[in-house]
Structures are given as C-alpha cells and as structure tokens.
Amino acid sequence: MMNKTRFVLIFASLFIFLVSSNSYAATESTSKTTINRLISYNQYGGGDVIFTVNNPTSGCYGYWIAKSDAGFEANLSMILAAYHSKAEVRVNGLNDQRWNGSSNFWCKLYAIEHID
C-alpha cells in the first residue's frame, strides 16, 4: 500500500511540474519596440496577418494572427495603429504555436500593448 501511495504522489508531483513549466515557457514578451513590417494574406490560413518588430525576442522572428482568432479585429486595429503611428508597443507571443507560412519561427500573438 505504501508503494502505491508513493507512486501516485510522485506521479502527481511530476504532472503538476510539467504542466506548470509548460504554461510559463510558452509566452515571450518584447521590450518596448515598434512594428516595422506588416503583411496580410488573402488566401493563406484564411486571412492570416503577420508582423515583425524592431526589437524581437530571440525565440520569435515575428508574430501572426489568424482571421479565426476571437480577438482578430481588435488586435488588427491595434497593430495597424501602432504601425502607422510608429508608436511603441510590447508584444507577447506564444512560442509553442508556430506559423506554418515560413521556415522562420513566427510566434502566435498572445497580446499587444501600446506603451506611452
């Protein structure tokens, strides 16, 4: 009985460790930066939009959003406003959701924040 309890405890601890470490490892945040490139695809991905920044993280070449994303319209508006005004932003990307449209590592946009 003791071995079974010990096994369950070890297994549960390992599971919690793996789940918690994955949730932190998936998001990368830029420092203050500006958007320097913006591309909208008509067909690829059903309307994907990609962009790059002047100060990218080491793990994200650029960022992408899909037309099917719940926050697509709001995020696209913020991206366009920042791009045209050259406003500083902070970009958070999910480095475990790669965009298939390139061999470079484009991270899925998690959040974009306009910085004063």
N, C-alpha and C. Protein backbone atom coordinates (compact mmCIF):
# COMPACT_ATOMS: atom_id res chain seq x y z
N MET A 1 0.82 -1.19 0.00
CA MET A 1 0.00 0.00 0.00
C MET A 1 0.86 1.26 0.00
N MET A 2 1.96 1.23 0.75
CA MET A 2 2.85 2.37 0.83
C MET A 2 3.48 2.68 -0.52
N ASN A 3 3.88 1.65 -1.28
CA ASN A 3 4.49 1.86 -2.59
C ASN A 3 3.50 2.48 -3.56
N LYS A 4 2.25 2.07 -3.52
CA LYS A 4 1.24 2.62 -4.41
C LYS A 4 0.99 4.09 -4.09
N THR A 5 0.90 4.43 -2.82
CA THR A 5 0.70 5.81 -2.41
C THR A 5 1.88 6.67 -2.83
N ARG A 6 3.07 6.15 -2.63
CA ARG A 6 4.28 6.88 -3.01
C ARG A 6 4.32 7.10 -4.53
N PHE A 7 3.98 6.08 -5.30
CA PHE A 7 3.96 6.18 -6.75
C PHE A 7 2.97 7.25 -7.20
N VAL A 8 1.77 7.24 -6.63
CA VAL A 8 0.75 8.23 -7.00
C VAL A 8 1.23 9.63 -6.66
N LEU A 9 1.84 9.81 -5.51
CA LEU A 9 2.34 11.12 -5.10
C LEU A 9 3.44 11.61 -6.04
N ILE A 10 4.36 10.75 -6.38
CA ILE A 10 5.45 11.12 -7.30
C ILE A 10 4.89 11.45 -8.68
N PHE A 11 3.99 10.63 -9.18
CA PHE A 11 3.38 10.86 -10.48
C PHE A 11 2.62 12.18 -10.50
N ALA A 12 1.83 12.45 -9.48
CA ALA A 12 1.06 13.70 -9.40
C ALA A 12 1.99 14.90 -9.35
N SER A 13 3.07 14.82 -8.59
CA SER A 13 4.04 15.92 -8.49
C SER A 13 4.70 16.18 -9.83
N LEU A 14 5.09 15.13 -10.51
CA LEU A 14 5.71 15.26 -11.83
C LEU A 14 4.74 15.89 -12.82
N PHE A 15 3.49 15.47 -12.81
CA PHE A 15 2.48 16.00 -13.71
C PHE A 15 2.29 17.50 -13.47
N ILE A 16 2.16 17.90 -12.21
CA ILE A 16 1.98 19.31 -11.88
C ILE A 16 3.19 20.13 -12.32
N PHE A 17 4.38 19.60 -12.11
CA PHE A 17 5.59 20.30 -12.54
C PHE A 17 5.62 20.50 -14.05
N LEU A 18 5.30 19.48 -14.81
CA LEU A 18 5.33 19.58 -16.26
C LEU A 18 4.29 20.54 -16.78
N VAL A 19 3.10 20.49 -16.23
CA VAL A 19 2.03 21.38 -16.68
C VAL A 19 2.37 22.82 -16.33
N SER A 20 2.85 23.09 -15.14
CA SER A 20 3.16 24.46 -14.75
C SER A 20 4.35 25.01 -15.51
N SER A 21 5.36 24.21 -15.79
CA SER A 21 6.53 24.71 -16.53
C SER A 21 6.18 25.00 -17.98
N ASN A 22 5.30 24.23 -18.59
CA ASN A 22 4.89 24.48 -19.96
C ASN A 22 4.10 25.77 -20.09
N SER A 23 3.28 26.09 -19.10
CA SER A 23 2.47 27.30 -19.20
C SER A 23 3.34 28.56 -19.14
N TYR A 24 4.46 28.52 -18.45
CA TYR A 24 5.34 29.67 -18.38
C TYR A 24 6.27 29.75 -19.59
N ALA A 25 6.67 28.65 -20.12
CA ALA A 25 7.64 28.62 -21.21
C ALA A 25 7.05 29.06 -22.54
N ALA A 26 5.74 29.09 -22.67
CA ALA A 26 5.12 29.33 -23.96
C ALA A 26 5.01 30.80 -24.33
N THR A 27 5.15 31.73 -23.40
CA THR A 27 4.96 33.15 -23.70
C THR A 27 6.28 33.91 -23.63
N GLU A 28 6.53 34.71 -24.68
CA GLU A 28 7.71 35.58 -24.71
C GLU A 28 7.23 37.01 -24.90
N SER A 29 7.87 37.94 -24.21
CA SER A 29 7.48 39.33 -24.28
C SER A 29 8.65 40.19 -24.76
N THR A 30 8.37 41.08 -25.70
CA THR A 30 9.40 42.00 -26.18
C THR A 30 9.59 43.13 -25.16
N SER A 31 10.70 43.84 -25.30
CA SER A 31 10.84 45.11 -24.61
C SER A 31 10.04 46.13 -25.43
N LYS A 32 10.11 47.40 -25.07
CA LYS A 32 9.44 48.42 -25.88
C LYS A 32 10.02 48.36 -27.29
N THR A 33 9.13 48.37 -28.27
CA THR A 33 9.57 48.24 -29.65
C THR A 33 8.54 48.89 -30.57
N THR A 34 8.85 48.91 -31.85
CA THR A 34 7.90 49.40 -32.85
C THR A 34 7.72 48.33 -33.92
N ILE A 35 6.59 48.38 -34.59
CA ILE A 35 6.30 47.44 -35.66
C ILE A 35 6.93 47.97 -36.94
N ASN A 36 7.72 47.13 -37.63
CA ASN A 36 8.42 47.59 -38.83
C ASN A 36 7.98 46.90 -40.12
N ARG A 37 7.17 45.88 -40.02
CA ARG A 37 6.72 45.15 -41.22
C ARG A 37 5.37 44.54 -40.93
N LEU A 38 4.47 44.61 -41.90
CA LEU A 38 3.11 44.10 -41.73
C LEU A 38 2.65 43.50 -43.06
N ILE A 39 2.20 42.25 -43.02
CA ILE A 39 1.73 41.57 -44.23
C ILE A 39 0.39 40.91 -43.94
N SER A 40 -0.55 41.10 -44.85
CA SER A 40 -1.86 40.46 -44.75
C SER A 40 -2.02 39.50 -45.93
N TYR A 41 -2.39 38.27 -45.63
CA TYR A 41 -2.56 37.25 -46.67
C TYR A 41 -4.03 37.05 -46.97
N ASN A 42 -4.37 37.10 -48.23
CA ASN A 42 -5.75 36.92 -48.66
C ASN A 42 -6.19 35.47 -48.54
N GLN A 43 -5.37 34.53 -48.99
CA GLN A 43 -5.75 33.13 -49.02
C GLN A 43 -5.10 32.31 -47.92
N TYR A 44 -3.81 32.55 -47.66
CA TYR A 44 -3.09 31.68 -46.75
C TYR A 44 -3.69 31.72 -45.35
N GLY A 45 -4.03 30.58 -44.84
CA GLY A 45 -4.60 30.49 -43.49
C GLY A 45 -5.99 31.09 -43.39
N GLY A 46 -6.60 31.42 -44.50
CA GLY A 46 -7.92 32.02 -44.46
C GLY A 46 -7.89 33.50 -44.08
N GLY A 47 -6.74 34.14 -44.24
CA GLY A 47 -6.63 35.57 -43.95
C GLY A 47 -5.66 35.91 -42.84
N ASP A 48 -4.56 35.17 -42.74
CA ASP A 48 -3.56 35.42 -41.70
C ASP A 48 -2.91 36.78 -41.88
N VAL A 49 -2.51 37.38 -40.76
CA VAL A 49 -1.76 38.64 -40.75
C VAL A 49 -0.49 38.38 -39.94
N ILE A 50 0.65 38.82 -40.49
CA ILE A 50 1.93 38.66 -39.79
C ILE A 50 2.59 40.02 -39.66
N PHE A 51 3.43 40.17 -38.63
CA PHE A 51 4.18 41.41 -38.48
C PHE A 51 5.49 41.14 -37.75
N THR A 52 6.45 42.04 -37.97
CA THR A 52 7.73 41.97 -37.27
C THR A 52 7.94 43.27 -36.51
N VAL A 53 8.84 43.21 -35.54
CA VAL A 53 9.14 44.38 -34.70
C VAL A 53 10.63 44.67 -34.75
N ASN A 54 11.00 45.86 -34.35
CA ASN A 54 12.41 46.27 -34.37
C ASN A 54 13.25 45.58 -33.31
N ASN A 55 12.67 45.21 -32.18
CA ASN A 55 13.40 44.56 -31.10
C ASN A 55 12.74 43.22 -30.77
N PRO A 56 12.91 42.22 -31.64
CA PRO A 56 12.25 40.93 -31.38
C PRO A 56 12.92 40.16 -30.25
N THR A 57 12.23 39.18 -29.73
CA THR A 57 12.84 38.27 -28.76
C THR A 57 13.67 37.26 -29.53
N SER A 58 14.50 36.52 -28.84
CA SER A 58 15.34 35.53 -29.51
C SER A 58 14.52 34.36 -30.05
N GLY A 59 13.35 34.11 -29.46
CA GLY A 59 12.55 32.96 -29.87
C GLY A 59 11.46 33.25 -30.87
N CYS A 60 11.21 34.52 -31.19
CA CYS A 60 10.13 34.87 -32.13
C CYS A 60 10.67 35.79 -33.22
N TYR A 61 10.76 35.29 -34.44
CA TYR A 61 11.18 36.11 -35.57
C TYR A 61 10.15 37.20 -35.83
N GLY A 62 8.89 36.83 -35.69
CA GLY A 62 7.77 37.74 -35.90
C GLY A 62 6.54 37.14 -35.24
N TYR A 63 5.38 37.75 -35.51
CA TYR A 63 4.14 37.34 -34.86
C TYR A 63 3.04 37.19 -35.89
N TRP A 64 2.05 36.35 -35.57
CA TRP A 64 0.95 36.12 -36.50
C TRP A 64 -0.37 36.03 -35.77
N ILE A 65 -1.42 36.41 -36.50
CA ILE A 65 -2.78 36.24 -36.02
C ILE A 65 -3.59 35.62 -37.15
N ALA A 66 -4.57 34.84 -36.77
CA ALA A 66 -5.44 34.18 -37.74
C ALA A 66 -6.79 34.87 -37.76
N LYS A 67 -7.39 34.95 -38.92
CA LYS A 67 -8.71 35.57 -39.07
C LYS A 67 -9.73 34.92 -38.15
N SER A 68 -9.54 33.65 -37.83
CA SER A 68 -10.48 32.91 -36.98
C SER A 68 -10.27 33.18 -35.48
N ASP A 69 -9.23 33.93 -35.10
CA ASP A 69 -8.99 34.25 -33.69
C ASP A 69 -10.10 35.13 -33.14
N ALA A 70 -10.51 34.87 -31.91
CA ALA A 70 -11.59 35.65 -31.29
C ALA A 70 -11.26 37.14 -31.23
N GLY A 71 -10.02 37.50 -30.99
CA GLY A 71 -9.64 38.90 -30.88
C GLY A 71 -9.03 39.48 -32.14
N PHE A 72 -9.27 38.86 -33.29
CA PHE A 72 -8.63 39.28 -34.53
C PHE A 72 -8.86 40.76 -34.84
N GLU A 73 -10.10 41.21 -34.85
CA GLU A 73 -10.41 42.59 -35.24
C GLU A 73 -9.75 43.60 -34.31
N ALA A 74 -9.86 43.38 -32.99
CA ALA A 74 -9.25 44.30 -32.03
C ALA A 74 -7.73 44.31 -32.15
N ASN A 75 -7.13 43.13 -32.28
CA ASN A 75 -5.67 43.05 -32.41
C ASN A 75 -5.19 43.69 -33.70
N LEU A 76 -5.90 43.44 -34.79
CA LEU A 76 -5.51 44.04 -36.07
C LEU A 76 -5.59 45.56 -35.99
N SER A 77 -6.61 46.09 -35.35
CA SER A 77 -6.73 47.54 -35.19
C SER A 77 -5.54 48.10 -34.42
N MET A 78 -5.15 47.44 -33.35
CA MET A 78 -4.02 47.91 -32.55
C MET A 78 -2.71 47.80 -33.33
N ILE A 79 -2.55 46.72 -34.08
CA ILE A 79 -1.34 46.53 -34.89
C ILE A 79 -1.24 47.62 -35.95
N LEU A 80 -2.35 47.88 -36.66
CA LEU A 80 -2.37 48.92 -37.70
C LEU A 80 -2.08 50.30 -37.11
N ALA A 81 -2.71 50.61 -35.99
CA ALA A 81 -2.50 51.92 -35.36
C ALA A 81 -1.03 52.10 -34.96
N ALA A 82 -0.45 51.07 -34.36
CA ALA A 82 0.95 51.14 -33.94
C ALA A 82 1.89 51.24 -35.14
N TYR A 83 1.59 50.50 -36.18
CA TYR A 83 2.43 50.51 -37.38
C TYR A 83 2.45 51.89 -38.03
N HIS A 84 1.26 52.46 -38.24
CA HIS A 84 1.18 53.74 -38.94
C HIS A 84 1.68 54.92 -38.10
N SER A 85 1.50 54.85 -36.80
CA SER A 85 1.93 55.96 -35.95
C SER A 85 3.35 55.78 -35.41
N LYS A 86 3.95 54.62 -35.68
CA LYS A 86 5.29 54.28 -35.15
C LYS A 86 5.30 54.32 -33.63
N ALA A 87 4.15 54.02 -33.01
CA ALA A 87 4.02 54.02 -31.55
C ALA A 87 4.75 52.82 -30.96
N GLU A 88 5.24 53.00 -29.74
CA GLU A 88 5.89 51.89 -29.05
C GLU A 88 4.86 50.92 -28.51
N VAL A 89 5.19 49.64 -28.63
CA VAL A 89 4.33 48.57 -28.15
C VAL A 89 5.17 47.54 -27.40
N ARG A 90 4.50 46.70 -26.68
CA ARG A 90 5.10 45.50 -26.10
C ARG A 90 4.27 44.35 -26.64
N VAL A 91 4.93 43.35 -27.21
CA VAL A 91 4.25 42.23 -27.84
C VAL A 91 4.53 40.96 -27.06
N ASN A 92 3.48 40.20 -26.79
CA ASN A 92 3.60 38.90 -26.14
C ASN A 92 3.21 37.83 -27.15
N GLY A 93 4.10 36.85 -27.34
CA GLY A 93 3.84 35.80 -28.31
C GLY A 93 3.93 34.43 -27.69
N LEU A 94 3.19 33.50 -28.25
CA LEU A 94 3.21 32.10 -27.83
C LEU A 94 4.22 31.38 -28.70
N ASN A 95 5.35 30.98 -28.11
CA ASN A 95 6.41 30.37 -28.91
C ASN A 95 6.18 28.89 -29.18
N ASP A 96 5.07 28.36 -28.71
CA ASP A 96 4.77 26.95 -28.98
C ASP A 96 3.69 26.81 -30.05
N GLN A 97 3.32 27.92 -30.71
CA GLN A 97 2.33 27.88 -31.78
C GLN A 97 2.91 28.55 -33.02
N ARG A 98 3.72 27.81 -33.73
CA ARG A 98 4.46 28.32 -34.89
C ARG A 98 3.53 28.52 -36.09
N TRP A 99 3.81 29.59 -36.85
CA TRP A 99 3.09 29.85 -38.09
C TRP A 99 3.69 29.00 -39.18
N ASN A 100 2.87 28.29 -39.92
CA ASN A 100 3.35 27.36 -40.94
C ASN A 100 3.70 28.03 -42.27
N GLY A 101 3.49 29.33 -42.39
CA GLY A 101 3.72 30.00 -43.67
C GLY A 101 5.17 30.35 -43.95
N SER A 102 6.10 29.99 -43.07
CA SER A 102 7.50 30.35 -43.25
C SER A 102 8.40 29.36 -42.54
N SER A 103 9.65 29.31 -42.96
CA SER A 103 10.61 28.46 -42.25
C SER A 103 11.14 29.17 -41.01
N ASN A 104 10.98 30.50 -40.92
CA ASN A 104 11.36 31.24 -39.71
C ASN A 104 10.34 30.96 -38.62
N PHE A 105 10.70 31.24 -37.38
CA PHE A 105 9.82 30.94 -36.27
C PHE A 105 8.96 32.15 -35.92
N TRP A 106 7.74 32.16 -36.43
CA TRP A 106 6.76 33.20 -36.16
C TRP A 106 5.88 32.72 -35.01
N CYS A 107 5.79 33.50 -33.94
CA CYS A 107 5.00 33.13 -32.77
C CYS A 107 3.57 33.64 -32.89
N LYS A 108 2.65 32.88 -32.36
CA LYS A 108 1.24 33.28 -32.32
C LYS A 108 1.10 34.47 -31.37
N LEU A 109 0.43 35.54 -31.81
CA LEU A 109 0.23 36.70 -30.95
C LEU A 109 -0.65 36.32 -29.77
N TYR A 110 -0.17 36.65 -28.58
CA TYR A 110 -0.96 36.45 -27.36
C TYR A 110 -1.58 37.78 -26.93
N ALA A 111 -0.79 38.85 -26.97
CA ALA A 111 -1.28 40.17 -26.58
C ALA A 111 -0.37 41.24 -27.17
N ILE A 112 -0.96 42.40 -27.42
CA ILE A 112 -0.19 43.57 -27.83
C ILE A 112 -0.62 44.73 -26.95
N GLU A 113 0.37 45.49 -26.47
CA GLU A 113 0.11 46.58 -25.54
C GLU A 113 0.75 47.85 -26.07
N HIS A 114 -0.03 48.91 -26.19
CA HIS A 114 0.52 50.22 -26.57
C HIS A 114 1.19 50.83 -25.34
N ILE A 115 2.41 51.36 -25.50
CA ILE A 115 3.20 51.91 -24.41
C ILE A 115 3.27 53.43 -24.58
N ASP A 116 3.11 54.17 -23.49
CA ASP A 116 3.27 55.64 -23.54
C ASP A 116 4.72 56.01 -23.62
